[in-house]
N, C-alpha and C. Protein backbone atom coordinates (compact mmCIF):
# COMPACT_ATOMS: atom_id res chain seq x y z
N UNK A 1 0.84 -1.18 0.00
CA UNK A 1 0.00 0.00 0.00
C UNK A 1 0.88 1.24 0.00
N UNK A 2 0.66 2.18 -0.90
CA UNK A 2 1.49 3.38 -0.97
C UNK A 2 1.27 4.30 0.23
N UNK A 3 2.32 5.00 0.59
CA UNK A 3 2.25 5.95 1.70
C UNK A 3 1.48 7.19 1.26
N UNK A 4 0.49 7.58 2.03
CA UNK A 4 -0.32 8.75 1.69
C UNK A 4 0.26 10.06 2.22
N UNK A 5 1.33 9.94 3.00
CA UNK A 5 1.92 11.13 3.61
C UNK A 5 3.12 11.61 2.80
N UNK A 6 3.00 11.57 1.50
CA UNK A 6 4.08 12.05 0.66
C UNK A 6 3.97 13.56 0.52
N UNK A 7 5.08 14.14 0.11
CA UNK A 7 5.12 15.60 -0.10
C UNK A 7 4.03 16.01 -1.09
N UNK A 8 3.91 15.27 -2.18
CA UNK A 8 2.95 15.62 -3.22
C UNK A 8 1.51 15.58 -2.70
N UNK A 9 1.18 14.53 -1.94
CA UNK A 9 -0.18 14.39 -1.40
C UNK A 9 -0.49 15.50 -0.42
N UNK A 10 0.43 15.79 0.46
CA UNK A 10 0.21 16.83 1.47
C UNK A 10 0.02 18.19 0.81
N UNK A 11 0.84 18.50 -0.18
CA UNK A 11 0.74 19.78 -0.88
C UNK A 11 -0.57 19.87 -1.64
N UNK A 12 -0.92 18.81 -2.36
CA UNK A 12 -2.16 18.81 -3.15
C UNK A 12 -3.38 19.00 -2.26
N UNK A 13 -3.45 18.25 -1.19
CA UNK A 13 -4.60 18.35 -0.28
C UNK A 13 -4.63 19.72 0.39
N UNK A 14 -3.47 20.22 0.78
CA UNK A 14 -3.42 21.54 1.42
C UNK A 14 -3.95 22.63 0.50
N UNK A 15 -3.53 22.61 -0.76
CA UNK A 15 -4.00 23.60 -1.73
C UNK A 15 -5.51 23.46 -1.92
N UNK A 16 -5.99 22.22 -2.06
CA UNK A 16 -7.43 22.00 -2.24
C UNK A 16 -8.24 22.57 -1.08
N UNK A 17 -7.77 22.33 0.14
CA UNK A 17 -8.48 22.82 1.32
C UNK A 17 -8.46 24.35 1.36
N UNK A 18 -7.31 24.94 1.07
CA UNK A 18 -7.21 26.40 1.06
C UNK A 18 -8.16 27.02 0.05
N UNK A 19 -8.26 26.41 -1.11
CA UNK A 19 -9.15 26.92 -2.15
C UNK A 19 -10.61 26.69 -1.75
N UNK A 20 -10.93 25.48 -1.27
CA UNK A 20 -12.31 25.15 -0.90
C UNK A 20 -12.87 26.10 0.17
N UNK A 21 -12.03 26.51 1.10
CA UNK A 21 -12.48 27.38 2.18
C UNK A 21 -12.15 28.85 1.94
N UNK A 22 -11.79 29.17 0.72
CA UNK A 22 -11.46 30.56 0.33
C UNK A 22 -10.37 31.15 1.21
N UNK A 23 -9.38 30.35 1.54
CA UNK A 23 -8.27 30.81 2.37
C UNK A 23 -6.99 30.98 1.58
N UNK A 24 -7.04 30.69 0.31
CA UNK A 24 -5.85 30.70 -0.54
C UNK A 24 -5.11 32.04 -0.48
N UNK A 25 -5.84 33.13 -0.42
CA UNK A 25 -5.22 34.45 -0.40
C UNK A 25 -5.08 35.02 1.01
N UNK A 26 -5.37 34.23 2.01
CA UNK A 26 -5.37 34.74 3.38
C UNK A 26 -4.38 34.01 4.29
N UNK A 27 -3.59 33.15 3.74
CA UNK A 27 -2.69 32.35 4.56
C UNK A 27 -1.50 33.20 5.01
N UNK A 28 -1.17 33.11 6.29
CA UNK A 28 -0.04 33.87 6.81
C UNK A 28 1.09 32.95 7.24
N UNK A 29 0.77 31.84 7.88
CA UNK A 29 1.82 30.91 8.31
C UNK A 29 1.35 29.47 8.17
N UNK A 30 2.32 28.60 8.10
CA UNK A 30 2.09 27.16 8.17
C UNK A 30 2.94 26.69 9.34
N UNK A 31 2.29 26.20 10.37
CA UNK A 31 3.01 25.75 11.56
C UNK A 31 3.03 24.24 11.58
N UNK A 32 4.24 23.70 11.68
CA UNK A 32 4.42 22.25 11.64
C UNK A 32 5.36 21.83 12.76
N UNK A 33 5.43 20.51 12.98
CA UNK A 33 6.36 20.04 14.01
C UNK A 33 7.78 20.10 13.46
N UNK A 34 8.71 19.56 14.19
CA UNK A 34 10.12 19.77 13.92
C UNK A 34 10.73 18.69 13.03
N UNK A 35 9.98 18.11 12.14
CA UNK A 35 10.49 17.05 11.26
C UNK A 35 11.21 17.66 10.06
N UNK A 36 12.29 17.03 9.66
CA UNK A 36 13.04 17.47 8.50
C UNK A 36 12.21 17.38 7.23
N UNK A 37 11.35 16.37 7.16
CA UNK A 37 10.51 16.20 5.96
C UNK A 37 9.58 17.39 5.75
N UNK A 38 9.27 18.10 6.81
CA UNK A 38 8.40 19.28 6.66
C UNK A 38 9.10 20.40 5.90
N UNK A 39 10.42 20.48 5.98
CA UNK A 39 11.16 21.49 5.21
C UNK A 39 10.89 21.30 3.73
N UNK A 40 10.96 20.06 3.28
CA UNK A 40 10.76 19.74 1.86
C UNK A 40 9.31 20.01 1.46
N UNK A 41 8.38 19.61 2.32
CA UNK A 41 6.97 19.78 2.02
C UNK A 41 6.59 21.25 1.92
N UNK A 42 7.05 22.06 2.86
CA UNK A 42 6.71 23.48 2.84
C UNK A 42 7.35 24.17 1.64
N UNK A 43 8.56 23.77 1.26
CA UNK A 43 9.16 24.33 0.04
C UNK A 43 8.30 24.02 -1.17
N UNK A 44 7.82 22.79 -1.26
CA UNK A 44 6.95 22.41 -2.38
C UNK A 44 5.63 23.19 -2.33
N UNK A 45 5.11 23.43 -1.14
CA UNK A 45 3.89 24.22 -1.00
C UNK A 45 4.12 25.65 -1.47
N UNK A 46 5.26 26.21 -1.10
CA UNK A 46 5.59 27.57 -1.53
C UNK A 46 5.68 27.70 -3.04
N UNK A 47 6.14 26.64 -3.70
CA UNK A 47 6.23 26.67 -5.16
C UNK A 47 4.85 26.75 -5.80
N UNK A 48 3.82 26.24 -5.10
CA UNK A 48 2.46 26.23 -5.64
C UNK A 48 1.69 27.51 -5.30
N UNK A 49 2.13 28.22 -4.28
CA UNK A 49 1.42 29.43 -3.85
C UNK A 49 1.98 30.66 -4.56
N UNK A 50 1.15 31.64 -4.76
CA UNK A 50 1.55 32.90 -5.37
C UNK A 50 2.04 33.82 -4.25
N UNK A 51 3.33 34.17 -4.28
CA UNK A 51 3.91 35.00 -3.23
C UNK A 51 3.18 36.33 -3.04
N UNK A 52 2.71 36.91 -4.13
CA UNK A 52 2.02 38.21 -4.06
C UNK A 52 0.72 38.13 -3.26
N UNK A 53 0.14 36.94 -3.19
CA UNK A 53 -1.13 36.80 -2.47
C UNK A 53 -0.94 36.41 -1.02
N UNK A 54 0.29 36.11 -0.64
CA UNK A 54 0.56 35.73 0.75
C UNK A 54 0.80 36.96 1.60
N UNK A 55 0.42 36.87 2.84
CA UNK A 55 0.67 37.96 3.77
C UNK A 55 2.18 38.10 3.94
N UNK A 56 2.68 39.31 3.88
CA UNK A 56 4.11 39.61 3.96
C UNK A 56 4.92 38.87 2.90
N UNK A 57 4.29 38.62 1.75
CA UNK A 57 4.93 37.92 0.62
C UNK A 57 5.51 36.57 1.01
N UNK A 58 4.94 35.95 2.02
CA UNK A 58 5.35 34.61 2.43
C UNK A 58 6.67 34.55 3.19
N UNK A 59 7.18 35.69 3.65
CA UNK A 59 8.48 35.72 4.35
C UNK A 59 8.48 34.87 5.61
N UNK A 60 7.35 34.83 6.28
CA UNK A 60 7.27 34.09 7.54
C UNK A 60 6.27 32.94 7.44
N UNK A 61 6.14 32.39 6.25
CA UNK A 61 5.14 31.35 6.04
C UNK A 61 5.43 30.11 6.87
N UNK A 62 6.67 29.70 6.92
CA UNK A 62 7.03 28.43 7.57
C UNK A 62 7.45 28.68 9.01
N UNK A 63 6.64 28.19 9.94
CA UNK A 63 6.94 28.35 11.35
C UNK A 63 7.01 26.98 12.01
N UNK A 64 8.04 26.75 12.78
CA UNK A 64 8.13 25.50 13.54
C UNK A 64 7.34 25.69 14.83
N UNK A 65 6.67 24.65 15.25
CA UNK A 65 5.83 24.71 16.43
C UNK A 65 6.69 24.80 17.69
N UNK A 66 6.61 25.92 18.38
CA UNK A 66 7.40 26.12 19.59
C UNK A 66 7.03 25.12 20.67
N UNK A 67 5.76 24.80 20.78
CA UNK A 67 5.32 23.84 21.80
C UNK A 67 5.96 22.48 21.54
N UNK A 68 6.07 22.09 20.29
CA UNK A 68 6.69 20.80 19.97
C UNK A 68 8.17 20.81 20.32
N UNK A 69 8.85 21.92 20.03
CA UNK A 69 10.28 22.03 20.35
C UNK A 69 10.49 22.00 21.86
N UNK A 70 9.66 22.71 22.61
CA UNK A 70 9.76 22.69 24.08
C UNK A 70 9.47 21.29 24.60
N UNK A 71 8.47 20.62 24.04
CA UNK A 71 8.14 19.26 24.45
C UNK A 71 9.33 18.33 24.25
N UNK A 72 10.00 18.42 23.11
CA UNK A 72 11.17 17.58 22.85
C UNK A 72 12.29 17.88 23.85
N UNK A 73 12.48 19.15 24.17
CA UNK A 73 13.52 19.53 25.12
C UNK A 73 13.22 18.99 26.51
N UNK A 74 11.98 19.09 26.93
CA UNK A 74 11.58 18.59 28.25
C UNK A 74 11.76 17.08 28.32
N UNK A 75 11.36 16.37 27.27
CA UNK A 75 11.54 14.91 27.24
C UNK A 75 13.01 14.53 27.37
N UNK A 76 13.87 15.25 26.65
CA UNK A 76 15.31 14.98 26.75
C UNK A 76 15.80 15.23 28.18
N UNK A 77 15.33 16.32 28.78
CA UNK A 77 15.73 16.63 30.16
C UNK A 77 15.25 15.57 31.13
N UNK A 78 14.04 15.08 30.96
CA UNK A 78 13.52 14.03 31.84
C UNK A 78 14.29 12.73 31.66
N UNK A 79 14.71 12.44 30.43
CA UNK A 79 15.52 11.25 30.19
C UNK A 79 16.85 11.35 30.94
N UNK A 80 17.45 12.53 30.93
CA UNK A 80 18.71 12.75 31.66
C UNK A 80 18.48 12.54 33.15
N UNK A 81 17.39 13.12 33.67
CA UNK A 81 17.09 12.97 35.10
C UNK A 81 16.86 11.51 35.47
N UNK A 82 16.18 10.77 34.61
CA UNK A 82 15.93 9.36 34.88
C UNK A 82 17.25 8.59 34.95
N UNK A 83 18.18 8.92 34.06
CA UNK A 83 19.49 8.25 34.07
C UNK A 83 20.28 8.62 35.32
N UNK A 84 20.19 9.86 35.76
CA UNK A 84 20.87 10.29 36.98
C UNK A 84 20.29 9.55 38.18
N UNK A 85 18.97 9.42 38.23
CA UNK A 85 18.33 8.69 39.33
C UNK A 85 18.77 7.23 39.35
N UNK A 86 18.87 6.59 38.20
CA UNK A 86 19.33 5.21 38.13
C UNK A 86 20.76 5.10 38.65
N UNK A 87 21.59 6.06 38.28
CA UNK A 87 22.97 6.08 38.74
C UNK A 87 23.04 6.26 40.26
N UNK A 88 22.22 7.19 40.78
CA UNK A 88 22.19 7.42 42.22
C UNK A 88 21.71 6.17 42.96
N UNK A 89 20.70 5.51 42.42
CA UNK A 89 20.21 4.28 43.04
C UNK A 89 21.28 3.20 43.04
N UNK A 90 22.02 3.10 41.95
CA UNK A 90 23.09 2.11 41.88
C UNK A 90 24.16 2.40 42.91
N UNK A 91 24.51 3.67 43.09
CA UNK A 91 25.52 4.04 44.09
C UNK A 91 25.01 3.79 45.52
N UNK A 92 23.75 4.04 45.72
CA UNK A 92 23.15 3.90 47.04
C UNK A 92 23.26 2.46 47.55
N UNK A 93 23.17 1.48 46.68
CA UNK A 93 23.15 0.08 47.07
C UNK A 93 24.49 -0.62 46.89
N UNK A 94 25.55 0.13 46.70
CA UNK A 94 26.87 -0.46 46.56
C UNK A 94 27.45 -0.77 47.94
N UNK A 95 28.20 -1.84 48.01
CA UNK A 95 28.93 -2.19 49.22
C UNK A 95 30.34 -1.63 49.12
N UNK A 96 30.57 -0.53 49.75
CA UNK A 96 31.90 0.09 49.65
C UNK A 96 32.75 -0.45 50.71
């Protein structure tokens, strides 16, 4: 079964939705998570959109989701804390 989350599919569906809801000329930003594949997808989307119709000529169209970036940072920090706790527990039960 082919993957439906290809760059082409996402761009095509995005354009269709923007046109269907009369948002094509009103888009200001596209906010996505921090995946590298989103860079490629948003570039392809920009190729399909008319820069003159975008707010601020599309200069700030692509925005990474700050909440997602903070979430990833917190998860990394919690992983570090969990490893420190395991280390402390191991030291606590050592026979010196």
